[in-house]
Amino acid sequence: MKRPAIAESVDGESAAEQIQSKAPKAKVAKAFNYAFASRHADPKVDGMPLDGFVAADDPEAKAKTLELARSIGFRPIDAGPLAMARALEALAILNIALQMQHGWPWQSGWKLVGPTPETKTSST
């Protein structure tokens, strides 16, 4: 039995994938929907930059979007191929649900804690 790719384990098709299928020559990248607009002007919480996850199949689109994320203050992280937009969109849904459930102030985003691009570890 072939193990599915991680992105394939998230059900459905992302909005980004739908855009890519409707405009096959477009260079599509998914980013920023997982953090509320209030965080885009100041993507830091307690002095730490929020993560700017970017998913794209096109290397140029990915590089430009990662640089955009960096330029506005996010910590850019390559999230993989455009299919990973499914997971990024799910993060947005979870963020919205948490705000509603807990009555939070709609100012959150995501921060991955642990080994990251700045602290690469070698697997042995």
PDB file of N, CA and C in Angstrom:
ATOM      1  N   MET A   1       0.839  -1.165   0.000  1.00  0.00           N
ATOM      2  CA  MET A   1       0.000   0.000   0.000  1.00  0.00           C
ATOM      3  C   MET A   1       0.895   1.243   0.000  1.00  0.00           C
ATOM      4  N   LYS A   2       0.618   2.151  -0.942  1.00  0.00           N
ATOM      5  CA  LYS A   2       1.388   3.388  -1.021  1.00  0.00           C
ATOM      6  C   LYS A   2       0.859   4.387   0.003  1.00  0.00           C
ATOM      7  N   ARG A   3       1.771   4.965   0.743  1.00  0.00           N
ATOM      8  CA  ARG A   3       1.400   5.961   1.747  1.00  0.00           C
ATOM      9  C   ARG A   3       1.124   7.297   1.060  1.00  0.00           C
ATOM     10  N   PRO A   4      -0.016   7.953   1.355  1.00  0.00           N
ATOM     11  CA  PRO A   4      -0.304   9.223   0.689  1.00  0.00           C
ATOM     12  C   PRO A   4       0.631  10.329   1.173  1.00  0.00           C
ATOM     13  N   ALA A   5       0.844  11.299   0.304  1.00  0.00           N
ATOM     14  CA  ALA A   5       1.621  12.473   0.713  1.00  0.00           C
ATOM     15  C   ALA A   5       0.865  13.181   1.823  1.00  0.00           C
ATOM     16  N   ILE A   6       1.587  13.924   2.636  1.00  0.00           N
ATOM     17  CA  ILE A   6       0.953  14.614   3.762  1.00  0.00           C
ATOM     18  C   ILE A   6      -0.196  15.488   3.282  1.00  0.00           C
ATOM     19  N   ALA A   7       0.018  16.272   2.241  1.00  0.00           N
ATOM     20  CA  ALA A   7      -1.026  17.173   1.759  1.00  0.00           C
ATOM     21  C   ALA A   7      -2.262  16.408   1.317  1.00  0.00           C
ATOM     22  N   GLU A   8      -2.075  15.224   0.766  1.00  0.00           N
ATOM     23  CA  GLU A   8      -3.209  14.438   0.301  1.00  0.00           C
ATOM     24  C   GLU A   8      -4.048  13.909   1.447  1.00  0.00           C
ATOM     25  N   SER A   9      -3.523  13.933   2.656  1.00  0.00           N
ATOM     26  CA  SER A   9      -4.301  13.434   3.783  1.00  0.00           C
ATOM     27  C   SER A   9      -5.281  14.480   4.311  1.00  0.00           C
ATOM     28  N   VAL A  10      -5.163  15.734   3.837  1.00  0.00           N
ATOM     29  CA  VAL A  10      -6.135  16.770   4.179  1.00  0.00           C
ATOM     30  C   VAL A  10      -7.201  16.726   3.098  1.00  0.00           C
ATOM     31  N   ASP A  11      -8.437  16.444   3.514  1.00  0.00           N
ATOM     32  CA  ASP A  11      -9.521  16.249   2.547  1.00  0.00           C
ATOM     33  C   ASP A  11      -9.829  17.503   1.741  1.00  0.00           C
ATOM     34  N   GLY A  12     -10.328  17.270   0.538  1.00  0.00           N
ATOM     35  CA  GLY A  12     -10.812  18.357  -0.291  1.00  0.00           C
ATOM     36  C   GLY A  12      -9.719  19.032  -1.091  1.00  0.00           C
ATOM     37  N   GLU A  13     -10.123  20.123  -1.722  1.00  0.00           N
ATOM     38  CA  GLU A  13      -9.218  20.902  -2.551  1.00  0.00           C
ATOM     39  C   GLU A  13      -9.216  22.321  -2.002  1.00  0.00           C
ATOM     40  N   SER A  14      -8.060  22.912  -1.892  1.00  0.00           N
ATOM     41  CA  SER A  14      -7.972  24.268  -1.352  1.00  0.00           C
ATOM     42  C   SER A  14      -8.447  25.288  -2.377  1.00  0.00           C
ATOM     43  N   ALA A  15      -8.769  26.469  -1.888  1.00  0.00           N
ATOM     44  CA  ALA A  15      -9.128  27.568  -2.786  1.00  0.00           C
ATOM     45  C   ALA A  15      -7.952  27.884  -3.710  1.00  0.00           C
ATOM     46  N   ALA A  16      -6.739  27.815  -3.179  1.00  0.00           N
ATOM     47  CA  ALA A  16      -5.548  28.076  -3.987  1.00  0.00           C
ATOM     48  C   ALA A  16      -5.420  27.059  -5.123  1.00  0.00           C
ATOM     49  N   GLU A  17      -5.697  25.796  -4.836  1.00  0.00           N
ATOM     50  CA  GLU A  17      -5.643  24.767  -5.881  1.00  0.00           C
ATOM     51  C   GLU A  17      -6.732  24.993  -6.921  1.00  0.00           C
ATOM     52  N   GLN A  18      -7.896  25.444  -6.482  1.00  0.00           N
ATOM     53  CA  GLN A  18      -8.982  25.742  -7.417  1.00  0.00           C
ATOM     54  C   GLN A  18      -8.595  26.891  -8.344  1.00  0.00           C
ATOM     55  N   ILE A  19      -7.973  27.920  -7.788  1.00  0.00           N
ATOM     56  CA  ILE A  19      -7.504  29.042  -8.611  1.00  0.00           C
ATOM     57  C   ILE A  19      -6.486  28.542  -9.628  1.00  0.00           C
ATOM     58  N   GLN A  20      -5.540  27.709  -9.178  1.00  0.00           N
ATOM     59  CA  GLN A  20      -4.518  27.182 -10.081  1.00  0.00           C
ATOM     60  C   GLN A  20      -5.137  26.363 -11.206  1.00  0.00           C
ATOM     61  N   SER A  21      -6.170  25.567 -10.894  1.00  0.00           N
ATOM     62  CA  SER A  21      -6.790  24.746 -11.938  1.00  0.00           C
ATOM     63  C   SER A  21      -7.589  25.596 -12.927  1.00  0.00           C
ATOM     64  N   LYS A  22      -8.139  26.715 -12.473  1.00  0.00           N
ATOM     65  CA  LYS A  22      -8.903  27.613 -13.364  1.00  0.00           C
ATOM     66  C   LYS A  22      -7.973  28.498 -14.195  1.00  0.00           C
ATOM     67  N   ALA A  23      -6.787  28.769 -13.676  1.00  0.00           N
ATOM     68  CA  ALA A  23      -5.807  29.615 -14.366  1.00  0.00           C
ATOM     69  C   ALA A  23      -4.461  28.894 -14.368  1.00  0.00           C
ATOM     70  N   PRO A  24      -4.330  27.851 -15.195  1.00  0.00           N
ATOM     71  CA  PRO A  24      -3.145  26.995 -15.136  1.00  0.00           C
ATOM     72  C   PRO A  24      -1.817  27.697 -15.414  1.00  0.00           C
ATOM     73  N   LYS A  25      -1.832  28.830 -16.092  1.00  0.00           N
ATOM     74  CA  LYS A  25      -0.580  29.549 -16.359  1.00  0.00           C
ATOM     75  C   LYS A  25      -0.222  30.528 -15.243  1.00  0.00           C
ATOM     76  N   ALA A  26      -1.128  30.722 -14.307  1.00  0.00           N
ATOM     77  CA  ALA A  26      -0.870  31.644 -13.194  1.00  0.00           C
ATOM     78  C   ALA A  26       0.144  31.038 -12.233  1.00  0.00           C
ATOM     79  N   LYS A  27       0.869  31.904 -11.563  1.00  0.00           N
ATOM     80  CA  LYS A  27       1.815  31.476 -10.530  1.00  0.00           C
ATOM     81  C   LYS A  27       1.140  31.720  -9.190  1.00  0.00           C
ATOM     82  N   VAL A  28       0.607  30.666  -8.595  1.00  0.00           N
ATOM     83  CA  VAL A  28      -0.215  30.777  -7.387  1.00  0.00           C
ATOM     84  C   VAL A  28       0.589  30.387  -6.152  1.00  0.00           C
ATOM     85  N   ALA A  29       0.470  31.196  -5.116  1.00  0.00           N
ATOM     86  CA  ALA A  29       1.063  30.882  -3.812  1.00  0.00           C
ATOM     87  C   ALA A  29       0.005  31.131  -2.750  1.00  0.00           C
ATOM     88  N   LYS A  30      -0.006  30.302  -1.730  1.00  0.00           N
ATOM     89  CA  LYS A  30      -0.940  30.454  -0.609  1.00  0.00           C
ATOM     90  C   LYS A  30      -0.169  30.963   0.589  1.00  0.00           C
ATOM     91  N   ALA A  31      -0.690  32.041   1.196  1.00  0.00           N
ATOM     92  CA  ALA A  31      -0.064  32.606   2.393  1.00  0.00           C
ATOM     93  C   ALA A  31      -1.037  33.560   3.070  1.00  0.00           C
ATOM     94  N   PHE A  32      -0.786  33.834   4.325  1.00  0.00           N
ATOM     95  CA  PHE A  32      -1.402  34.909   5.098  1.00  0.00           C
ATOM     96  C   PHE A  32      -2.828  34.684   5.594  1.00  0.00           C
ATOM     97  N   ASN A  33      -3.583  33.722   5.085  1.00  0.00           N
ATOM     98  CA  ASN A  33      -4.979  33.575   5.519  1.00  0.00           C
ATOM     99  C   ASN A  33      -5.105  33.020   6.934  1.00  0.00           C
ATOM    100  N   TYR A  34      -4.059  32.458   7.458  1.00  0.00           N
ATOM    101  CA  TYR A  34      -4.091  31.816   8.780  1.00  0.00           C
ATOM    102  C   TYR A  34      -3.863  32.814   9.912  1.00  0.00           C
ATOM    103  N   ALA A  35      -3.546  34.065   9.577  1.00  0.00           N
ATOM    104  CA  ALA A  35      -3.377  35.125  10.590  1.00  0.00           C
ATOM    105  C   ALA A  35      -4.381  36.232  10.277  1.00  0.00           C
ATOM    106  N   PHE A  36      -5.015  36.756  11.290  1.00  0.00           N
ATOM    107  CA  PHE A  36      -6.012  37.800  11.077  1.00  0.00           C
ATOM    108  C   PHE A  36      -5.360  39.077  10.560  1.00  0.00           C
ATOM    109  N   ALA A  37      -6.128  39.866   9.824  1.00  0.00           N
ATOM    110  CA  ALA A  37      -5.627  41.104   9.228  1.00  0.00           C
ATOM    111  C   ALA A  37      -5.004  42.023  10.271  1.00  0.00           C
ATOM    112  N   SER A  38      -5.531  42.007  11.482  1.00  0.00           N
ATOM    113  CA  SER A  38      -4.975  42.846  12.549  1.00  0.00           C
ATOM    114  C   SER A  38      -3.520  42.491  12.842  1.00  0.00           C
ATOM    115  N   ARG A  39      -3.110  41.271  12.526  1.00  0.00           N
ATOM    116  CA  ARG A  39      -1.729  40.849  12.749  1.00  0.00           C
ATOM    117  C   ARG A  39      -0.842  41.203  11.559  1.00  0.00           C
ATOM    118  N   HIS A  40      -1.403  41.447  10.404  1.00  0.00           N
ATOM    119  CA  HIS A  40      -0.585  41.729   9.226  1.00  0.00           C
ATOM    120  C   HIS A  40       0.158  43.055   9.360  1.00  0.00           C
ATOM    121  N   ALA A  41      -0.456  44.036  10.006  1.00  0.00           N
ATOM    122  CA  ALA A  41       0.204  45.325  10.209  1.00  0.00           C
ATOM    123  C   ALA A  41       1.335  45.211  11.230  1.00  0.00           C
ATOM    124  N   ASP A  42       1.196  44.295  12.151  1.00  0.00           N
ATOM    125  CA  ASP A  42       2.213  44.080  13.189  1.00  0.00           C
ATOM    126  C   ASP A  42       2.238  42.595  13.532  1.00  0.00           C
ATOM    127  N   PRO A  43       2.946  41.793  12.719  1.00  0.00           N
ATOM    128  CA  PRO A  43       2.922  40.342  12.911  1.00  0.00           C
ATOM    129  C   PRO A  43       3.827  39.842  14.031  1.00  0.00           C
ATOM    130  N   LYS A  44       3.774  40.506  15.163  1.00  0.00           N
ATOM    131  CA  LYS A  44       4.554  40.064  16.323  1.00  0.00           C
ATOM    132  C   LYS A  44       3.634  39.934  17.521  1.00  0.00           C
ATOM    133  N   VAL A  45       3.911  38.927  18.341  1.00  0.00           N
ATOM    134  CA  VAL A  45       3.221  38.737  19.614  1.00  0.00           C
ATOM    135  C   VAL A  45       4.306  38.557  20.668  1.00  0.00           C
ATOM    136  N   ASP A  46       4.252  39.349  21.699  1.00  0.00           N
ATOM    137  CA  ASP A  46       5.274  39.317  22.754  1.00  0.00           C
ATOM    138  C   ASP A  46       6.686  39.423  22.175  1.00  0.00           C
ATOM    139  N   GLY A  47       6.829  40.249  21.141  1.00  0.00           N
ATOM    140  CA  GLY A  47       8.131  40.477  20.525  1.00  0.00           C
ATOM    141  C   GLY A  47       8.596  39.401  19.567  1.00  0.00           C
ATOM    142  N   MET A  48       7.807  38.337  19.405  1.00  0.00           N
ATOM    143  CA  MET A  48       8.192  37.241  18.509  1.00  0.00           C
ATOM    144  C   MET A  48       7.397  37.330  17.212  1.00  0.00           C
ATOM    145  N   PRO A  49       8.063  37.228  16.052  1.00  0.00           N
ATOM    146  CA  PRO A  49       7.325  37.274  14.797  1.00  0.00           C
ATOM    147  C   PRO A  49       6.477  36.017  14.608  1.00  0.00           C
ATOM    148  N   LEU A  50       5.267  36.228  14.109  1.00  0.00           N
ATOM    149  CA  LEU A  50       4.424  35.092  13.744  1.00  0.00           C
ATOM    150  C   LEU A  50       5.018  34.428  12.512  1.00  0.00           C
ATOM    151  N   ASP A  51       4.649  33.191  12.289  1.00  0.00           N
ATOM    152  CA  ASP A  51       5.151  32.467  11.130  1.00  0.00           C
ATOM    153  C   ASP A  51       4.355  32.834   9.892  1.00  0.00           C
ATOM    154  N   GLY A  52       5.068  32.987   8.796  1.00  0.00           N
ATOM    155  CA  GLY A  52       4.460  33.259   7.500  1.00  0.00           C
ATOM    156  C   GLY A  52       4.627  32.041   6.617  1.00  0.00           C
ATOM    157  N   PHE A  53       3.691  31.105   6.734  1.00  0.00           N
ATOM    158  CA  PHE A  53       3.751  29.871   5.946  1.00  0.00           C
ATOM    159  C   PHE A  53       3.387  30.175   4.495  1.00  0.00           C
ATOM    160  N   VAL A  54       4.143  29.610   3.561  1.00  0.00           N
ATOM    161  CA  VAL A  54       3.899  29.813   2.136  1.00  0.00           C
ATOM    162  C   VAL A  54       3.906  28.459   1.445  1.00  0.00           C
ATOM    163  N   ALA A  55       2.840  28.190   0.694  1.00  0.00           N
ATOM    164  CA  ALA A  55       2.743  26.961  -0.097  1.00  0.00           C
ATOM    165  C   ALA A  55       2.611  27.353  -1.568  1.00  0.00           C
ATOM    166  N   ALA A  56       3.417  26.741  -2.419  1.00  0.00           N
ATOM    167  CA  ALA A  56       3.357  27.020  -3.854  1.00  0.00           C
ATOM    168  C   ALA A  56       4.103  25.936  -4.608  1.00  0.00           C
ATOM    169  N   ASP A  57       3.678  25.707  -5.845  1.00  0.00           N
ATOM    170  CA  ASP A  57       4.398  24.783  -6.720  1.00  0.00           C
ATOM    171  C   ASP A  57       5.460  25.516  -7.534  1.00  0.00           C
ATOM    172  N   ASP A  58       5.191  26.761  -7.876  1.00  0.00           N
ATOM    173  CA  ASP A  58       6.106  27.546  -8.690  1.00  0.00           C
ATOM    174  C   ASP A  58       7.215  28.137  -7.811  1.00  0.00           C
ATOM    175  N   PRO A  59       8.475  27.804  -8.091  1.00  0.00           N
ATOM    176  CA  PRO A  59       9.572  28.279  -7.239  1.00  0.00           C
ATOM    177  C   PRO A  59       9.677  29.810  -7.165  1.00  0.00           C
ATOM    178  N   GLU A  60       9.430  30.486  -8.277  1.00  0.00           N
ATOM    179  CA  GLU A  60       9.518  31.948  -8.285  1.00  0.00           C
ATOM    180  C   GLU A  60       8.403  32.566  -7.442  1.00  0.00           C
ATOM    181  N   ALA A  61       7.189  32.066  -7.592  1.00  0.00           N
ATOM    182  CA  ALA A  61       6.068  32.572  -6.792  1.00  0.00           C
ATOM    183  C   ALA A  61       6.324  32.329  -5.312  1.00  0.00           C
ATOM    184  N   LYS A  62       6.860  31.154  -4.998  1.00  0.00           N
ATOM    185  CA  LYS A  62       7.149  30.836  -3.597  1.00  0.00           C
ATOM    186  C   LYS A  62       8.218  31.775  -3.043  1.00  0.00           C
ATOM    187  N   ALA A  63       9.298  31.976  -3.788  1.00  0.00           N
ATOM    188  CA  ALA A  63      10.390  32.836  -3.326  1.00  0.00           C
ATOM    189  C   ALA A  63       9.913  34.270  -3.108  1.00  0.00           C
ATOM    190  N   LYS A  64       9.121  34.784  -4.033  1.00  0.00           N
ATOM    191  CA  LYS A  64       8.623  36.160  -3.898  1.00  0.00           C
ATOM    192  C   LYS A  64       7.677  36.295  -2.711  1.00  0.00           C
ATOM    193  N   THR A  65       6.850  35.288  -2.490  1.00  0.00           N
ATOM    194  CA  THR A  65       5.903  35.351  -1.380  1.00  0.00           C
ATOM    195  C   THR A  65       6.619  35.188  -0.046  1.00  0.00           C
ATOM    196  N   LEU A  66       7.629  34.341   0.010  1.00  0.00           N
ATOM    197  CA  LEU A  66       8.437  34.222   1.228  1.00  0.00           C
ATOM    198  C   LEU A  66       9.130  35.550   1.544  1.00  0.00           C
ATOM    199  N   GLU A  67       9.643  36.211   0.514  1.00  0.00           N
ATOM    200  CA  GLU A  67      10.294  37.511   0.729  1.00  0.00           C
ATOM    201  C   GLU A  67       9.274  38.558   1.172  1.00  0.00           C
ATOM    202  N   LEU A  68       8.078  38.533   0.615  1.00  0.00           N
ATOM    203  CA  LEU A  68       7.021  39.454   1.052  1.00  0.00           C
ATOM    204  C   LEU A  68       6.708  39.228   2.526  1.00  0.00           C
ATOM    205  N   ALA A  69       6.577  37.969   2.912  1.00  0.00           N
ATOM    206  CA  ALA A  69       6.303  37.650   4.319  1.00  0.00           C
ATOM    207  C   ALA A  69       7.405  38.220   5.215  1.00  0.00           C
ATOM    208  N   ARG A  70       8.648  38.036   4.823  1.00  0.00           N
ATOM    209  CA  ARG A  70       9.783  38.549   5.592  1.00  0.00           C
ATOM    210  C   ARG A  70       9.730  40.078   5.656  1.00  0.00           C
ATOM    211  N   SER A  71       9.422  40.724   4.534  1.00  0.00           N
ATOM    212  CA  SER A  71       9.472  42.184   4.465  1.00  0.00           C
ATOM    213  C   SER A  71       8.421  42.862   5.338  1.00  0.00           C
ATOM    214  N   ILE A  72       7.321  42.175   5.625  1.00  0.00           N
ATOM    215  CA  ILE A  72       6.299  42.790   6.481  1.00  0.00           C
ATOM    216  C   ILE A  72       6.400  42.323   7.928  1.00  0.00           C
ATOM    217  N   GLY A  73       7.387  41.475   8.222  1.00  0.00           N
ATOM    218  CA  GLY A  73       7.656  41.127   9.614  1.00  0.00           C
ATOM    219  C   GLY A  73       7.328  39.717  10.047  1.00  0.00           C
ATOM    220  N   PHE A  74       6.782  38.890   9.153  1.00  0.00           N
ATOM    221  CA  PHE A  74       6.557  37.488   9.485  1.00  0.00           C
ATOM    222  C   PHE A  74       7.887  36.743   9.407  1.00  0.00           C
ATOM    223  N   ARG A  75       7.974  35.601  10.074  1.00  0.00           N
ATOM    224  CA  ARG A  75       9.111  34.701   9.901  1.00  0.00           C
ATOM    225  C   ARG A  75       8.713  33.752   8.776  1.00  0.00           C
ATOM    226  N   PRO A  76       9.290  33.895   7.588  1.00  0.00           N
ATOM    227  CA  PRO A  76       8.853  33.092   6.451  1.00  0.00           C
ATOM    228  C   PRO A  76       9.231  31.623   6.594  1.00  0.00           C
ATOM    229  N   ILE A  77       8.264  30.756   6.304  1.00  0.00           N
ATOM    230  CA  ILE A  77       8.502  29.314   6.351  1.00  0.00           C
ATOM    231  C   ILE A  77       7.901  28.674   5.100  1.00  0.00           C
ATOM    232  N   ASP A  78       8.721  27.935   4.375  1.00  0.00           N
ATOM    233  CA  ASP A  78       8.277  27.194   3.200  1.00  0.00           C
ATOM    234  C   ASP A  78       7.433  26.018   3.679  1.00  0.00           C
ATOM    235  N   ALA A  79       6.145  26.052   3.359  1.00  0.00           N
ATOM    236  CA  ALA A  79       5.222  25.003   3.800  1.00  0.00           C
ATOM    237  C   ALA A  79       5.113  23.859   2.799  1.00  0.00           C
ATOM    238  N   GLY A  80       5.818  23.959   1.671  1.00  0.00           N
ATOM    239  CA  GLY A  80       5.782  22.875   0.703  1.00  0.00           C
ATOM    240  C   GLY A  80       4.975  23.222  -0.534  1.00  0.00           C
ATOM    241  N   PRO A  81       4.483  22.186  -1.233  1.00  0.00           N
ATOM    242  CA  PRO A  81       3.769  22.404  -2.485  1.00  0.00           C
ATOM    243  C   PRO A  81       2.402  23.060  -2.254  1.00  0.00           C
ATOM    244  N   LEU A  82       1.795  23.499  -3.354  1.00  0.00           N
ATOM    245  CA  LEU A  82       0.504  24.178  -3.275  1.00  0.00           C
ATOM    246  C   LEU A  82      -0.555  23.312  -2.598  1.00  0.00           C
ATOM    247  N   ALA A  83      -0.441  22.004  -2.700  1.00  0.00           N
ATOM    248  CA  ALA A  83      -1.405  21.116  -2.031  1.00  0.00           C
ATOM    249  C   ALA A  83      -1.434  21.340  -0.520  1.00  0.00           C
ATOM    250  N   MET A  84      -0.344  21.852   0.049  1.00  0.00           N
ATOM    251  CA  MET A  84      -0.326  22.142   1.488  1.00  0.00           C
ATOM    252  C   MET A  84      -1.206  23.335   1.847  1.00  0.00           C
ATOM    253  N   ALA A  85      -1.699  24.043   0.843  1.00  0.00           N
ATOM    254  CA  ALA A  85      -2.661  25.124   1.095  1.00  0.00           C
ATOM    255  C   ALA A  85      -3.892  24.574   1.808  1.00  0.00           C
ATOM    256  N   ARG A  86      -4.188  23.304   1.601  1.00  0.00           N
ATOM    257  CA  ARG A  86      -5.316  22.675   2.313  1.00  0.00           C
ATOM    258  C   ARG A  86      -5.102  22.771   3.816  1.00  0.00           C
ATOM    259  N   ALA A  87      -3.906  22.481   4.262  1.00  0.00           N
ATOM    260  CA  ALA A  87      -3.603  22.548   5.693  1.00  0.00           C
ATOM    261  C   ALA A  87      -3.600  23.993   6.182  1.00  0.00           C
ATOM    262  N   LEU A  88      -3.074  24.919   5.371  1.00  0.00           N
ATOM    263  CA  LEU A  88      -3.067  26.329   5.770  1.00  0.00           C
ATOM    264  C   LEU A  88      -4.488  26.866   5.894  1.00  0.00           C
ATOM    265  N   GLU A  89      -5.362  26.460   4.978  1.00  0.00           N
ATOM    266  CA  GLU A  89      -6.757  26.887   5.071  1.00  0.00           C
ATOM    267  C   GLU A  89      -7.433  26.280   6.294  1.00  0.00           C
ATOM    268  N   ALA A  90      -7.055  25.060   6.641  1.00  0.00           N
ATOM    269  CA  ALA A  90      -7.600  24.440   7.858  1.00  0.00           C
ATOM    270  C   ALA A  90      -7.126  25.195   9.102  1.00  0.00           C
ATOM    271  N   LEU A  91      -5.887  25.692   9.098  1.00  0.00           N
ATOM    272  CA  LEU A  91      -5.402  26.507  10.216  1.00  0.00           C
ATOM    273  C   LEU A  91      -6.254  27.764  10.371  1.00  0.00           C
ATOM    274  N   ALA A  92      -6.629  28.360   9.250  1.00  0.00           N
ATOM    275  CA  ALA A  92      -7.472  29.556   9.304  1.00  0.00           C
ATOM    276  C   ALA A  92      -8.827  29.232   9.922  1.00  0.00           C
ATOM    277  N   ILE A  93      -9.409  28.111   9.523  1.00  0.00           N
ATOM    278  CA  ILE A  93     -10.710  27.703  10.070  1.00  0.00           C
ATOM    279  C   ILE A  93     -10.593  27.452  11.567  1.00  0.00           C
ATOM    280  N   LEU A  94      -9.531  26.786  11.986  1.00  0.00           N
ATOM    281  CA  LEU A  94      -9.327  26.543  13.416  1.00  0.00           C
ATOM    282  C   LEU A  94      -9.169  27.862  14.170  1.00  0.00           C
ATOM    283  N   ASN A  95      -8.416  28.791  13.616  1.00  0.00           N
ATOM    284  CA  ASN A  95      -8.208  30.084  14.255  1.00  0.00           C
ATOM    285  C   ASN A  95      -9.545  30.813  14.441  1.00  0.00           C
ATOM    286  N   ILE A  96     -10.380  30.823  13.413  1.00  0.00           N
ATOM    287  CA  ILE A  96     -11.696  31.462  13.496  1.00  0.00           C
ATOM    288  C   ILE A  96     -12.553  30.779  14.551  1.00  0.00           C
ATOM    289  N   ALA A  97     -12.577  29.451  14.539  1.00  0.00           N
ATOM    290  CA  ALA A  97     -13.395  28.703  15.503  1.00  0.00           C
ATOM    291  C   ALA A  97     -12.957  28.986  16.938  1.00  0.00           C
ATOM    292  N   LEU A  98     -11.659  29.053  17.174  1.00  0.00           N
ATOM    293  CA  LEU A  98     -11.159  29.338  18.518  1.00  0.00           C
ATOM    294  C   LEU A  98     -11.561  30.738  18.975  1.00  0.00           C
ATOM    295  N   GLN A  99     -11.495  31.702  18.069  1.00  0.00           N
ATOM    296  CA  GLN A  99     -11.901  33.067  18.419  1.00  0.00           C
ATOM    297  C   GLN A  99     -13.368  33.100  18.850  1.00  0.00           C
ATOM    298  N   MET A 100     -14.204  32.420  18.076  1.00  0.00           N
ATOM    299  CA  MET A 100     -15.642  32.408  18.362  1.00  0.00           C
ATOM    300  C   MET A 100     -15.939  31.668  19.664  1.00  0.00           C
ATOM    301  N   GLN A 101     -15.326  30.521  19.839  1.00  0.00           N
ATOM    302  CA  GLN A 101     -15.581  29.691  21.017  1.00  0.00           C
ATOM    303  C   GLN A 101     -15.151  30.377  22.309  1.00  0.00           C
ATOM    304  N   HIS A 102     -14.029  31.074  22.269  1.00  0.00           N
ATOM    305  CA  HIS A 102     -13.461  31.641  23.491  1.00  0.00           C
ATOM    306  C   HIS A 102     -13.659  33.148  23.644  1.00  0.00           C
ATOM    307  N   GLY A 103     -14.238  33.784  22.634  1.00  0.00           N
ATOM    308  CA  GLY A 103     -14.441  35.222  22.705  1.00  0.00           C
ATOM    309  C   GLY A 103     -13.144  36.015  22.686  1.00  0.00           C
ATOM    310  N   TRP A 104     -12.151  35.495  22.003  1.00  0.00           N
ATOM    311  CA  TRP A 104     -10.856  36.166  21.923  1.00  0.00           C
ATOM    312  C   TRP A 104     -10.947  37.377  20.996  1.00  0.00           C
ATOM    313  N   PRO A 105      -9.945  38.271  20.991  1.00  0.00           N
ATOM    314  CA  PRO A 105     -10.051  39.552  20.282  1.00  0.00           C
ATOM    315  C   PRO A 105      -9.673  39.546  18.789  1.00  0.00           C
ATOM    316  N   TRP A 106      -9.683  38.434  18.114  1.00  0.00           N
ATOM    317  CA  TRP A 106      -9.441  38.361  16.671  1.00  0.00           C
ATOM    318  C   TRP A 106      -8.094  38.984  16.288  1.00  0.00           C
ATOM    319  N   GLN A 107      -7.074  38.678  17.053  1.00  0.00           N
ATOM    320  CA  GLN A 107      -5.752  39.234  16.777  1.00  0.00           C
ATOM    321  C   GLN A 107      -4.671  38.161  16.806  1.00  0.00           C
ATOM    322  N   SER A 108      -5.016  36.935  16.505  1.00  0.00           N
ATOM    323  CA  SER A 108      -4.036  35.856  16.627  1.00  0.00           C
ATOM    324  C   SER A 108      -3.478  35.414  15.278  1.00  0.00           C
ATOM    325  N   GLY A 109      -2.445  34.615  15.368  1.00  0.00           N
ATOM    326  CA  GLY A 109      -1.816  33.980  14.227  1.00  0.00           C
ATOM    327  C   GLY A 109      -1.132  32.728  14.747  1.00  0.00           C
ATOM    328  N   TRP A 110      -0.248  32.136  13.961  1.00  0.00           N
ATOM    329  CA  TRP A 110       0.387  30.877  14.345  1.00  0.00           C
ATOM    330  C   TRP A 110       1.888  31.046  14.482  1.00  0.00           C
ATOM    331  N   LYS A 111       2.449  30.314  15.430  1.00  0.00           N
ATOM    332  CA  LYS A 111       3.889  30.284  15.674  1.00  0.00           C
ATOM    333  C   LYS A 111       4.288  28.838  15.931  1.00  0.00           C
ATOM    334  N   LEU A 112       5.130  28.295  15.086  1.00  0.00           N
ATOM    335  CA  LEU A 112       5.646  26.943  15.267  1.00  0.00           C
ATOM    336  C   LEU A 112       6.780  27.003  16.283  1.00  0.00           C
ATOM    337  N   VAL A 113       6.704  26.175  17.294  1.00  0.00           N
ATOM    338  CA  VAL A 113       7.718  26.164  18.345  1.00  0.00           C
ATOM    339  C   VAL A 113       8.505  24.866  18.235  1.00  0.00           C
ATOM    340  N   GLY A 114       9.801  24.965  18.266  1.00  0.00           N
ATOM    341  CA  GLY A 114      10.652  23.787  18.156  1.00  0.00           C
ATOM    342  C   GLY A 114      11.709  24.017  17.098  1.00  0.00           C
ATOM    343  N   PRO A 115      12.366  22.968  16.658  1.00  0.00           N
ATOM    344  CA  PRO A 115      13.383  23.126  15.625  1.00  0.00           C
ATOM    345  C   PRO A 115      12.773  23.783  14.390  1.00  0.00           C
ATOM    346  N   THR A 116      13.410  24.818  13.928  1.00  0.00           N
ATOM    347  CA  THR A 116      12.905  25.595  12.801  1.00  0.00           C
ATOM    348  C   THR A 116      14.040  25.886  11.839  1.00  0.00           C
ATOM    349  N   PRO A 117      13.780  26.599  10.748  1.00  0.00           N
ATOM    350  CA  PRO A 117      14.855  26.873   9.790  1.00  0.00           C
ATOM    351  C   PRO A 117      16.089  27.512  10.419  1.00  0.00           C
ATOM    352  N   GLU A 118      15.893  28.327  11.457  1.00  0.00           N
ATOM    353  CA  GLU A 118      17.032  28.979  12.097  1.00  0.00           C
ATOM    354  C   GLU A 118      17.826  28.016  12.972  1.00  0.00           C
ATOM    355  N   THR A 119      17.214  26.924  13.400  1.00  0.00           N
ATOM    356  CA  THR A 119      17.873  25.973  14.308  1.00  0.00           C
ATOM    357  C   THR A 119      17.843  24.575  13.717  1.00  0.00           C
ATOM    358  N   LYS A 120      18.311  24.450  12.492  1.00  0.00           N
ATOM    359  CA  LYS A 120      18.292  23.149  11.821  1.00  0.00           C
ATOM    360  C   LYS A 120      19.068  22.121  12.629  1.00  0.00           C
ATOM    361  N   THR A 121      18.487  20.933  12.688  1.00  0.00           N
ATOM    362  CA  THR A 121      19.177  19.830  13.349  1.00  0.00           C
ATOM    363  C   THR A 121      19.417  18.743  12.317  1.00  0.00           C
ATOM    364  N   SER A 122      20.453  17.990  12.502  1.00  0.00           N
ATOM    365  CA  SER A 122      20.708  16.884  11.583  1.00  0.00           C
ATOM    366  C   SER A 122      20.079  15.626  12.142  1.00  0.00           C
ATOM    367  N   SER A 123      19.509  14.851  11.238  1.00  0.00           N
ATOM    368  CA  SER A 123      18.934  13.577  11.686  1.00  0.00           C
ATOM    369  C   SER A 123      20.000  12.506  11.571  1.00  0.00           C
ATOM    370  N   THR A 124      20.144  11.745  12.629  1.00  0.00           N
ATOM    371  CA  THR A 124      21.171  10.697  12.618  1.00  0.00           C
ATOM    372  C   THR A 124      20.551   9.351  12.828  1.00  0.00           C
TER     373      THR A 124
END
